[in-house]
């Protein structure tokens, strides 16, 4: 369960980082997904993204507004979802706040209620330097995150850090 929460948190963070489009950013977040048989769409709305500094404090919300992503469009590719100018230092976590999800299977849509919002924290360790850019890629495992339950689905986010590069 913790692994699933961490994976989902990472994905959400990547998705939610609809940050400043400045090209001088020193942090970039990417998202990717592996294919899932039979699933047509997997929409997730990320409303907030935060980064935890080494001292345990959190950054301000990096998103200006909630964003919805179809995670299955990220199959076998990476997409930049956020970039931000961060203070130099070590960061130890990414927190994503999910507020909505929808799964489409064989043309049938299943809404997943997320009330209260689901907060997922993905442990990660990276250092932002004054000169340079760090890129974090989160992998959202849709196959592990969409659990069939009765006649619908339930969300059990599975997000892992795929890569950190400098």
N, C-alpha and C. Protein backbone atom coordinates (compact mmCIF):
# COMPACT_ATOMS: atom_id res chain seq x y z
N UNK A 1 0.82 -1.19 0.00
CA UNK A 1 0.00 0.00 0.00
C UNK A 1 0.87 1.25 0.00
N UNK A 2 1.95 1.24 0.81
CA UNK A 2 2.84 2.40 0.85
C UNK A 2 3.48 2.61 -0.51
N UNK A 3 3.89 1.50 -1.15
CA UNK A 3 4.53 1.59 -2.46
C UNK A 3 3.56 2.19 -3.47
N UNK A 4 2.33 1.75 -3.41
CA UNK A 4 1.30 2.26 -4.31
C UNK A 4 1.08 3.74 -4.07
N UNK A 5 1.01 4.13 -2.83
CA UNK A 5 0.80 5.54 -2.50
C UNK A 5 1.99 6.37 -2.97
N UNK A 6 3.18 5.84 -2.80
CA UNK A 6 4.37 6.56 -3.23
C UNK A 6 4.38 6.73 -4.74
N UNK A 7 4.02 5.68 -5.44
CA UNK A 7 4.01 5.74 -6.90
C UNK A 7 2.98 6.75 -7.37
N UNK A 8 1.79 6.72 -6.80
CA UNK A 8 0.75 7.65 -7.20
C UNK A 8 1.14 9.07 -6.87
N UNK A 9 1.75 9.26 -5.74
CA UNK A 9 2.18 10.59 -5.34
C UNK A 9 3.17 11.14 -6.36
N UNK A 10 4.09 10.34 -6.77
CA UNK A 10 5.06 10.78 -7.75
C UNK A 10 4.42 11.17 -9.05
N UNK A 11 3.49 10.39 -9.50
CA UNK A 11 2.80 10.67 -10.75
C UNK A 11 2.02 11.96 -10.62
N UNK A 12 1.34 12.08 -9.55
CA UNK A 12 0.55 13.28 -9.36
C UNK A 12 1.43 14.51 -9.32
N UNK A 13 2.53 14.37 -8.67
CA UNK A 13 3.44 15.51 -8.60
C UNK A 13 3.87 15.90 -10.00
N UNK A 14 4.18 14.96 -10.77
CA UNK A 14 4.59 15.23 -12.14
C UNK A 14 3.45 15.87 -12.90
N UNK A 15 2.30 15.31 -12.75
CA UNK A 15 1.13 15.82 -13.44
C UNK A 15 0.78 17.21 -12.97
N UNK A 16 0.86 17.42 -11.70
CA UNK A 16 0.41 18.64 -11.08
C UNK A 16 1.37 19.80 -11.26
N UNK A 17 2.56 19.56 -11.69
CA UNK A 17 3.50 20.65 -11.80
C UNK A 17 3.26 21.48 -13.03
N UNK A 18 2.15 22.15 -13.08
CA UNK A 18 1.84 23.10 -14.13
C UNK A 18 2.42 24.42 -13.68
N UNK A 19 3.69 24.46 -13.57
CA UNK A 19 4.38 25.59 -12.98
C UNK A 19 4.74 26.62 -14.04
N UNK A 20 5.53 27.53 -13.61
CA UNK A 20 5.98 28.60 -14.48
C UNK A 20 6.69 28.05 -15.71
N UNK A 21 6.38 28.55 -16.89
CA UNK A 21 7.00 28.07 -18.11
C UNK A 21 8.39 28.65 -18.37
N UNK A 22 9.00 29.29 -17.39
CA UNK A 22 10.32 29.90 -17.56
C UNK A 22 11.33 28.85 -18.01
N UNK A 23 12.19 29.24 -18.90
CA UNK A 23 13.20 28.31 -19.39
C UNK A 23 14.41 28.25 -18.47
N UNK A 24 14.47 29.09 -17.47
CA UNK A 24 15.62 29.11 -16.56
C UNK A 24 15.39 28.22 -15.34
N UNK A 25 14.41 27.36 -15.40
CA UNK A 25 14.07 26.50 -14.28
C UNK A 25 15.21 25.56 -13.95
N UNK A 26 15.31 25.23 -12.65
CA UNK A 26 16.33 24.27 -12.23
C UNK A 26 15.72 22.96 -11.77
N UNK A 27 14.39 22.82 -11.91
CA UNK A 27 13.70 21.58 -11.57
C UNK A 27 12.67 21.29 -12.65
N UNK A 28 12.64 20.04 -13.12
CA UNK A 28 11.64 19.62 -14.10
C UNK A 28 11.11 18.26 -13.67
N UNK A 29 9.79 18.12 -13.79
CA UNK A 29 9.15 16.87 -13.42
C UNK A 29 8.51 16.26 -14.66
N UNK A 30 8.75 14.96 -14.85
CA UNK A 30 8.22 14.23 -16.00
C UNK A 30 7.38 13.08 -15.51
N UNK A 31 6.47 12.61 -16.38
CA UNK A 31 5.61 11.50 -16.05
C UNK A 31 5.59 10.50 -17.19
N UNK A 32 5.51 9.22 -16.84
CA UNK A 32 5.42 8.17 -17.84
C UNK A 32 4.50 7.09 -17.31
N UNK A 33 4.09 6.16 -18.18
CA UNK A 33 3.22 5.06 -17.77
C UNK A 33 3.51 3.85 -18.66
N UNK A 34 3.31 2.68 -18.09
CA UNK A 34 3.42 1.44 -18.85
C UNK A 34 2.01 1.06 -19.32
N UNK A 35 1.90 0.35 -20.44
CA UNK A 35 0.58 0.00 -20.98
C UNK A 35 -0.22 -0.93 -20.06
N UNK A 36 -1.54 -0.86 -20.16
CA UNK A 36 -2.44 -1.74 -19.41
C UNK A 36 -3.48 -2.28 -20.38
N UNK A 37 -3.55 -3.57 -20.49
CA UNK A 37 -4.46 -4.24 -21.42
C UNK A 37 -5.92 -3.93 -21.09
N UNK A 38 -6.70 -3.52 -22.11
CA UNK A 38 -8.14 -3.33 -21.96
C UNK A 38 -8.57 -1.97 -21.46
N UNK A 39 -7.67 -1.21 -20.88
CA UNK A 39 -8.01 0.10 -20.34
C UNK A 39 -7.85 1.13 -21.47
N UNK A 40 -8.89 1.95 -21.69
CA UNK A 40 -8.86 2.94 -22.76
C UNK A 40 -8.36 4.30 -22.29
N UNK A 41 -8.80 4.71 -21.11
CA UNK A 41 -8.40 6.00 -20.54
C UNK A 41 -8.30 5.86 -19.03
N UNK A 42 -7.40 6.65 -18.44
CA UNK A 42 -7.26 6.70 -16.98
C UNK A 42 -6.98 8.17 -16.65
N UNK A 43 -8.05 8.91 -16.34
CA UNK A 43 -7.93 10.33 -16.05
C UNK A 43 -7.70 10.55 -14.56
N UNK A 44 -6.77 11.43 -14.24
CA UNK A 44 -6.50 11.79 -12.85
C UNK A 44 -6.37 13.31 -12.78
N UNK A 45 -7.04 13.89 -11.79
CA UNK A 45 -6.93 15.34 -11.58
C UNK A 45 -6.04 15.59 -10.38
N UNK A 46 -4.99 16.35 -10.63
CA UNK A 46 -4.07 16.74 -9.57
C UNK A 46 -4.36 18.20 -9.26
N UNK A 47 -4.62 18.49 -8.00
CA UNK A 47 -4.97 19.86 -7.65
C UNK A 47 -3.83 20.61 -6.97
N UNK A 48 -2.88 19.86 -6.38
CA UNK A 48 -1.77 20.52 -5.70
C UNK A 48 -0.53 19.63 -5.77
N UNK A 49 0.64 20.28 -5.80
CA UNK A 49 1.92 19.57 -5.77
C UNK A 49 2.87 20.35 -4.87
N UNK A 50 3.52 19.62 -4.00
CA UNK A 50 4.48 20.22 -3.06
C UNK A 50 5.76 19.39 -3.05
N UNK A 51 6.86 20.03 -2.68
CA UNK A 51 8.14 19.33 -2.51
C UNK A 51 8.58 19.51 -1.06
N UNK A 52 9.09 18.42 -0.48
CA UNK A 52 9.58 18.48 0.91
C UNK A 52 11.09 18.71 0.89
N UNK A 53 11.51 19.73 1.62
CA UNK A 53 12.94 20.01 1.76
C UNK A 53 13.53 19.11 2.83
N UNK A 54 14.84 19.03 2.84
CA UNK A 54 15.56 18.16 3.77
C UNK A 54 15.22 18.46 5.23
N UNK A 55 14.91 19.72 5.55
CA UNK A 55 14.58 20.08 6.94
C UNK A 55 13.14 19.74 7.31
N UNK A 56 12.39 19.13 6.40
CA UNK A 56 11.02 18.70 6.67
C UNK A 56 9.95 19.71 6.30
N UNK A 57 10.33 20.91 5.91
CA UNK A 57 9.34 21.90 5.48
C UNK A 57 8.93 21.63 4.04
N UNK A 58 7.78 22.15 3.67
CA UNK A 58 7.24 21.95 2.32
C UNK A 58 7.24 23.26 1.55
N UNK A 59 7.41 23.15 0.24
CA UNK A 59 7.30 24.33 -0.63
C UNK A 59 5.84 24.75 -0.69
N UNK A 60 5.59 25.92 -1.26
CA UNK A 60 4.23 26.33 -1.57
C UNK A 60 3.73 25.44 -2.70
N UNK A 61 2.41 25.43 -2.90
CA UNK A 61 1.81 24.67 -3.98
C UNK A 61 2.42 25.11 -5.31
N UNK A 62 2.88 24.15 -6.11
CA UNK A 62 3.52 24.47 -7.39
C UNK A 62 2.53 24.60 -8.54
N UNK A 63 1.27 24.28 -8.31
CA UNK A 63 0.26 24.39 -9.37
C UNK A 63 -0.60 25.63 -9.17
N UNK A 64 -0.89 26.29 -10.28
CA UNK A 64 -1.74 27.47 -10.20
C UNK A 64 -3.22 27.09 -10.27
N UNK A 65 -3.52 25.92 -10.84
CA UNK A 65 -4.89 25.43 -10.93
C UNK A 65 -4.85 23.92 -11.12
N UNK A 66 -5.94 23.22 -10.76
CA UNK A 66 -5.97 21.76 -10.95
C UNK A 66 -5.81 21.39 -12.41
N UNK A 67 -5.18 20.25 -12.65
CA UNK A 67 -4.98 19.77 -14.01
C UNK A 67 -5.36 18.30 -14.10
N UNK A 68 -6.02 17.96 -15.21
CA UNK A 68 -6.44 16.58 -15.44
C UNK A 68 -5.59 15.99 -16.55
N UNK A 69 -5.11 14.77 -16.31
CA UNK A 69 -4.25 14.07 -17.27
C UNK A 69 -4.83 12.70 -17.57
N UNK A 70 -4.71 12.30 -18.84
CA UNK A 70 -5.02 10.92 -19.21
C UNK A 70 -3.69 10.18 -19.14
N UNK A 71 -3.51 9.45 -18.08
CA UNK A 71 -2.23 8.78 -17.85
C UNK A 71 -1.87 7.79 -18.95
N UNK A 72 -2.87 7.22 -19.60
CA UNK A 72 -2.58 6.23 -20.63
C UNK A 72 -1.99 6.84 -21.90
N UNK A 73 -2.12 8.15 -22.06
CA UNK A 73 -1.48 8.82 -23.19
C UNK A 73 0.04 8.89 -22.98
N UNK A 74 0.48 8.55 -21.78
CA UNK A 74 1.91 8.59 -21.46
C UNK A 74 2.57 7.22 -21.62
N UNK A 75 1.89 6.31 -22.23
CA UNK A 75 2.44 4.96 -22.42
C UNK A 75 3.76 5.02 -23.16
N UNK A 76 4.76 4.47 -22.51
CA UNK A 76 6.09 4.31 -23.11
C UNK A 76 6.71 5.62 -23.61
N UNK A 77 6.33 6.73 -23.02
CA UNK A 77 6.96 8.01 -23.33
C UNK A 77 6.93 8.88 -22.08
N UNK A 78 7.76 9.90 -22.06
CA UNK A 78 7.81 10.82 -20.93
C UNK A 78 7.31 12.19 -21.37
N UNK A 79 6.57 12.82 -20.50
CA UNK A 79 6.05 14.16 -20.79
C UNK A 79 6.35 15.08 -19.62
N UNK A 80 6.88 16.27 -19.95
CA UNK A 80 7.15 17.25 -18.90
C UNK A 80 5.82 17.82 -18.42
N UNK A 81 5.62 17.78 -17.11
CA UNK A 81 4.38 18.30 -16.56
C UNK A 81 4.61 19.55 -15.73
N UNK A 82 5.84 19.83 -15.38
CA UNK A 82 6.11 20.99 -14.56
C UNK A 82 7.57 21.39 -14.65
N UNK A 83 7.79 22.64 -14.43
CA UNK A 83 9.15 23.15 -14.24
C UNK A 83 9.04 24.31 -13.28
N UNK A 84 10.05 24.46 -12.42
CA UNK A 84 10.00 25.50 -11.40
C UNK A 84 11.41 25.91 -11.01
N UNK A 85 11.54 27.14 -10.58
CA UNK A 85 12.79 27.61 -10.01
C UNK A 85 12.72 27.36 -8.51
N UNK A 86 13.61 26.53 -8.02
CA UNK A 86 13.63 26.16 -6.60
C UNK A 86 14.89 26.67 -5.94
N UNK A 87 14.84 26.92 -4.64
CA UNK A 87 16.06 27.29 -3.92
C UNK A 87 17.02 26.10 -3.91
N UNK A 88 18.31 26.33 -4.01
CA UNK A 88 19.26 25.23 -3.93
C UNK A 88 19.09 24.48 -2.62
N UNK A 89 19.29 23.18 -2.68
CA UNK A 89 19.17 22.35 -1.48
C UNK A 89 18.75 20.94 -1.81
N UNK A 90 18.61 20.14 -0.78
CA UNK A 90 18.20 18.74 -0.93
C UNK A 90 16.71 18.62 -0.67
N UNK A 91 16.02 17.87 -1.52
CA UNK A 91 14.59 17.64 -1.42
C UNK A 91 14.36 16.14 -1.21
N UNK A 92 13.38 15.81 -0.33
CA UNK A 92 13.22 14.42 0.08
C UNK A 92 11.82 13.86 -0.17
N UNK A 93 10.95 14.61 -0.79
CA UNK A 93 9.62 14.08 -1.05
C UNK A 93 8.83 14.93 -2.02
N UNK A 94 7.89 14.27 -2.69
CA UNK A 94 6.96 14.94 -3.59
C UNK A 94 5.57 14.58 -3.10
N UNK A 95 4.75 15.60 -2.86
CA UNK A 95 3.39 15.36 -2.38
C UNK A 95 2.42 15.79 -3.47
N UNK A 96 1.54 14.86 -3.85
CA UNK A 96 0.50 15.12 -4.84
C UNK A 96 -0.86 15.03 -4.17
N UNK A 97 -1.75 15.94 -4.53
CA UNK A 97 -3.11 15.91 -4.01
C UNK A 97 -4.04 15.62 -5.19
N UNK A 98 -4.70 14.46 -5.13
CA UNK A 98 -5.62 14.02 -6.19
C UNK A 98 -7.05 14.32 -5.77
N UNK A 99 -7.81 14.87 -6.71
CA UNK A 99 -9.20 15.23 -6.37
C UNK A 99 -10.24 14.54 -7.24
N UNK A 100 -9.83 13.88 -8.32
CA UNK A 100 -10.80 13.22 -9.19
C UNK A 100 -10.09 12.16 -10.02
N UNK A 101 -10.82 11.11 -10.36
CA UNK A 101 -10.29 10.07 -11.25
C UNK A 101 -11.45 9.46 -12.03
N UNK A 102 -11.13 9.01 -13.24
CA UNK A 102 -12.11 8.35 -14.10
C UNK A 102 -11.38 7.31 -14.94
N UNK A 103 -11.99 6.14 -15.05
CA UNK A 103 -11.42 5.05 -15.84
C UNK A 103 -12.43 4.70 -16.93
N UNK A 104 -11.93 4.51 -18.16
CA UNK A 104 -12.80 4.11 -19.27
C UNK A 104 -12.32 2.75 -19.76
N UNK A 105 -13.24 1.76 -19.71
CA UNK A 105 -12.95 0.40 -20.14
C UNK A 105 -14.05 -0.01 -21.13
N UNK A 106 -13.64 -0.45 -22.32
CA UNK A 106 -14.59 -0.89 -23.35
C UNK A 106 -15.71 0.13 -23.56
N UNK A 107 -15.37 1.41 -23.60
CA UNK A 107 -16.34 2.47 -23.86
C UNK A 107 -17.20 2.84 -22.67
N UNK A 108 -17.01 2.17 -21.54
CA UNK A 108 -17.81 2.46 -20.34
C UNK A 108 -16.96 3.24 -19.34
N UNK A 109 -17.53 4.34 -18.84
CA UNK A 109 -16.82 5.23 -17.94
C UNK A 109 -17.16 4.92 -16.48
N UNK A 110 -16.13 4.89 -15.63
CA UNK A 110 -16.28 4.66 -14.20
C UNK A 110 -15.67 5.83 -13.44
N UNK A 111 -16.51 6.62 -12.77
CA UNK A 111 -16.03 7.72 -11.95
C UNK A 111 -15.54 7.14 -10.62
N UNK A 112 -14.42 7.65 -10.15
CA UNK A 112 -13.88 7.22 -8.86
C UNK A 112 -13.95 8.42 -7.92
N UNK A 113 -14.76 8.29 -6.90
CA UNK A 113 -14.93 9.37 -5.94
C UNK A 113 -13.68 9.49 -5.06
N UNK A 114 -13.14 10.69 -4.97
CA UNK A 114 -12.00 10.95 -4.10
C UNK A 114 -12.39 12.10 -3.18
N UNK A 115 -13.08 11.73 -2.10
CA UNK A 115 -13.57 12.72 -1.16
C UNK A 115 -13.41 12.18 0.25
N UNK A 116 -12.54 12.75 1.04
CA UNK A 116 -11.75 13.95 0.81
C UNK A 116 -10.63 13.67 -0.20
N UNK A 117 -9.97 14.72 -0.68
CA UNK A 117 -8.87 14.54 -1.63
C UNK A 117 -7.81 13.57 -1.09
N UNK A 118 -7.19 12.85 -2.00
CA UNK A 118 -6.18 11.87 -1.65
C UNK A 118 -4.80 12.51 -1.74
N UNK A 119 -4.07 12.48 -0.64
CA UNK A 119 -2.72 13.04 -0.60
C UNK A 119 -1.72 11.89 -0.64
N UNK A 120 -0.84 11.94 -1.61
CA UNK A 120 0.15 10.90 -1.79
C UNK A 120 1.54 11.52 -1.71
N UNK A 121 2.38 10.93 -0.87
CA UNK A 121 3.75 11.41 -0.74
C UNK A 121 4.70 10.35 -1.29
N UNK A 122 5.49 10.75 -2.26
CA UNK A 122 6.46 9.85 -2.88
C UNK A 122 7.85 10.22 -2.34
N UNK A 123 8.51 9.28 -1.67
CA UNK A 123 9.86 9.58 -1.19
C UNK A 123 10.83 9.66 -2.37
N UNK A 124 11.67 10.64 -2.33
CA UNK A 124 12.66 10.84 -3.38
C UNK A 124 13.79 11.64 -2.75
N UNK A 125 14.96 11.56 -3.32
CA UNK A 125 16.08 12.32 -2.79
C UNK A 125 16.85 12.91 -3.96
N UNK A 126 16.80 14.24 -4.09
CA UNK A 126 17.55 14.91 -5.13
C UNK A 126 18.03 16.25 -4.61
N UNK A 127 19.07 16.77 -5.25
CA UNK A 127 19.66 18.03 -4.84
C UNK A 127 19.56 19.03 -5.98
N UNK A 128 19.06 20.21 -5.67
CA UNK A 128 18.99 21.30 -6.64
C UNK A 128 20.23 22.16 -6.42
N UNK A 129 21.01 22.34 -7.50
CA UNK A 129 22.21 23.16 -7.44
C UNK A 129 21.92 24.53 -8.04
N UNK A 130 22.73 25.51 -7.70
CA UNK A 130 22.52 26.86 -8.25
C UNK A 130 22.65 26.87 -9.76
N UNK A 131 23.64 26.16 -10.28
CA UNK A 131 23.85 26.09 -11.72
C UNK A 131 23.57 24.67 -12.17
N UNK A 132 22.46 24.47 -12.85
CA UNK A 132 22.12 23.14 -13.33
C UNK A 132 20.63 22.88 -13.19
N UNK A 133 20.22 21.78 -13.77
CA UNK A 133 18.81 21.39 -13.74
C UNK A 133 18.71 19.95 -13.31
N UNK A 134 17.77 19.65 -12.44
CA UNK A 134 17.50 18.27 -12.04
C UNK A 134 16.16 17.88 -12.66
N UNK A 135 16.11 16.69 -13.25
CA UNK A 135 14.89 16.19 -13.87
C UNK A 135 14.47 14.93 -13.12
N UNK A 136 13.23 14.91 -12.64
CA UNK A 136 12.69 13.76 -11.93
C UNK A 136 11.57 13.18 -12.78
N UNK A 137 11.62 11.88 -13.03
CA UNK A 137 10.58 11.20 -13.80
C UNK A 137 9.89 10.20 -12.90
N UNK A 138 8.58 10.34 -12.79
CA UNK A 138 7.77 9.41 -12.01
C UNK A 138 7.05 8.45 -12.96
N UNK A 139 6.95 7.20 -12.54
CA UNK A 139 6.26 6.18 -13.32
C UNK A 139 4.98 5.80 -12.59
N UNK A 140 3.85 6.03 -13.25
CA UNK A 140 2.55 5.70 -12.69
C UNK A 140 2.15 4.35 -13.25
N UNK A 141 1.95 3.37 -12.38
CA UNK A 141 1.58 2.03 -12.81
C UNK A 141 0.07 1.90 -12.83
N UNK A 142 -0.54 2.15 -13.99
CA UNK A 142 -1.99 2.11 -14.12
C UNK A 142 -2.54 0.72 -13.81
N UNK A 143 -1.83 -0.31 -14.20
CA UNK A 143 -2.29 -1.68 -13.96
C UNK A 143 -2.45 -1.96 -12.46
N UNK A 144 -1.57 -1.42 -11.64
CA UNK A 144 -1.64 -1.61 -10.19
C UNK A 144 -2.58 -0.62 -9.52
N UNK A 145 -2.86 0.49 -10.17
CA UNK A 145 -3.63 1.57 -9.55
C UNK A 145 -5.13 1.49 -9.76
N UNK A 146 -5.56 0.79 -10.80
CA UNK A 146 -6.99 0.62 -11.08
C UNK A 146 -7.40 -0.77 -10.63
N UNK A 147 -8.08 -0.84 -9.50
CA UNK A 147 -8.48 -2.12 -8.93
C UNK A 147 -9.98 -2.30 -9.12
N UNK A 148 -10.34 -3.38 -9.84
CA UNK A 148 -11.76 -3.63 -10.06
C UNK A 148 -12.39 -4.08 -8.75
N UNK A 149 -13.53 -3.47 -8.46
CA UNK A 149 -14.23 -3.74 -7.21
C UNK A 149 -15.72 -3.76 -7.49
N UNK A 150 -16.34 -4.92 -7.40
CA UNK A 150 -17.76 -5.03 -7.73
C UNK A 150 -17.99 -4.68 -9.18
N UNK A 151 -18.89 -3.73 -9.43
CA UNK A 151 -19.18 -3.33 -10.81
C UNK A 151 -18.44 -2.06 -11.20
N UNK A 152 -17.45 -1.65 -10.39
CA UNK A 152 -16.69 -0.45 -10.70
C UNK A 152 -15.21 -0.62 -10.39
N UNK A 153 -14.56 0.49 -10.14
CA UNK A 153 -13.12 0.48 -9.86
C UNK A 153 -12.83 1.35 -8.64
N UNK A 154 -11.69 1.06 -8.03
CA UNK A 154 -11.23 1.89 -6.93
C UNK A 154 -9.78 2.26 -7.26
N UNK A 155 -9.39 3.43 -6.78
CA UNK A 155 -8.06 3.96 -7.06
C UNK A 155 -7.11 3.59 -5.93
N UNK A 156 -6.04 2.89 -6.29
CA UNK A 156 -4.97 2.53 -5.36
C UNK A 156 -3.67 2.95 -6.05
N UNK A 157 -3.32 4.23 -5.93
CA UNK A 157 -2.19 4.79 -6.69
C UNK A 157 -0.88 4.03 -6.48
N UNK A 158 -0.21 3.78 -7.58
CA UNK A 158 1.10 3.14 -7.56
C UNK A 158 2.07 4.00 -8.37
N UNK A 159 2.95 4.70 -7.66
CA UNK A 159 3.88 5.63 -8.31
C UNK A 159 5.28 5.38 -7.79
N UNK A 160 6.23 5.31 -8.70
CA UNK A 160 7.62 5.14 -8.30
C UNK A 160 8.48 6.15 -9.05
N UNK A 161 9.62 6.44 -8.48
CA UNK A 161 10.58 7.31 -9.15
C UNK A 161 11.30 6.45 -10.17
N UNK A 162 11.19 6.81 -11.44
CA UNK A 162 11.84 6.05 -12.49
C UNK A 162 13.28 6.51 -12.71
N UNK A 163 13.47 7.85 -12.66
CA UNK A 163 14.80 8.36 -12.95
C UNK A 163 14.97 9.77 -12.38
N UNK A 164 16.19 10.03 -11.92
CA UNK A 164 16.60 11.38 -11.53
C UNK A 164 17.86 11.66 -12.31
N UNK A 165 17.88 12.75 -13.06
CA UNK A 165 19.06 13.08 -13.84
C UNK A 165 19.43 14.55 -13.64
N UNK A 166 20.71 14.83 -13.80
CA UNK A 166 21.23 16.18 -13.60
C UNK A 166 21.85 16.69 -14.88
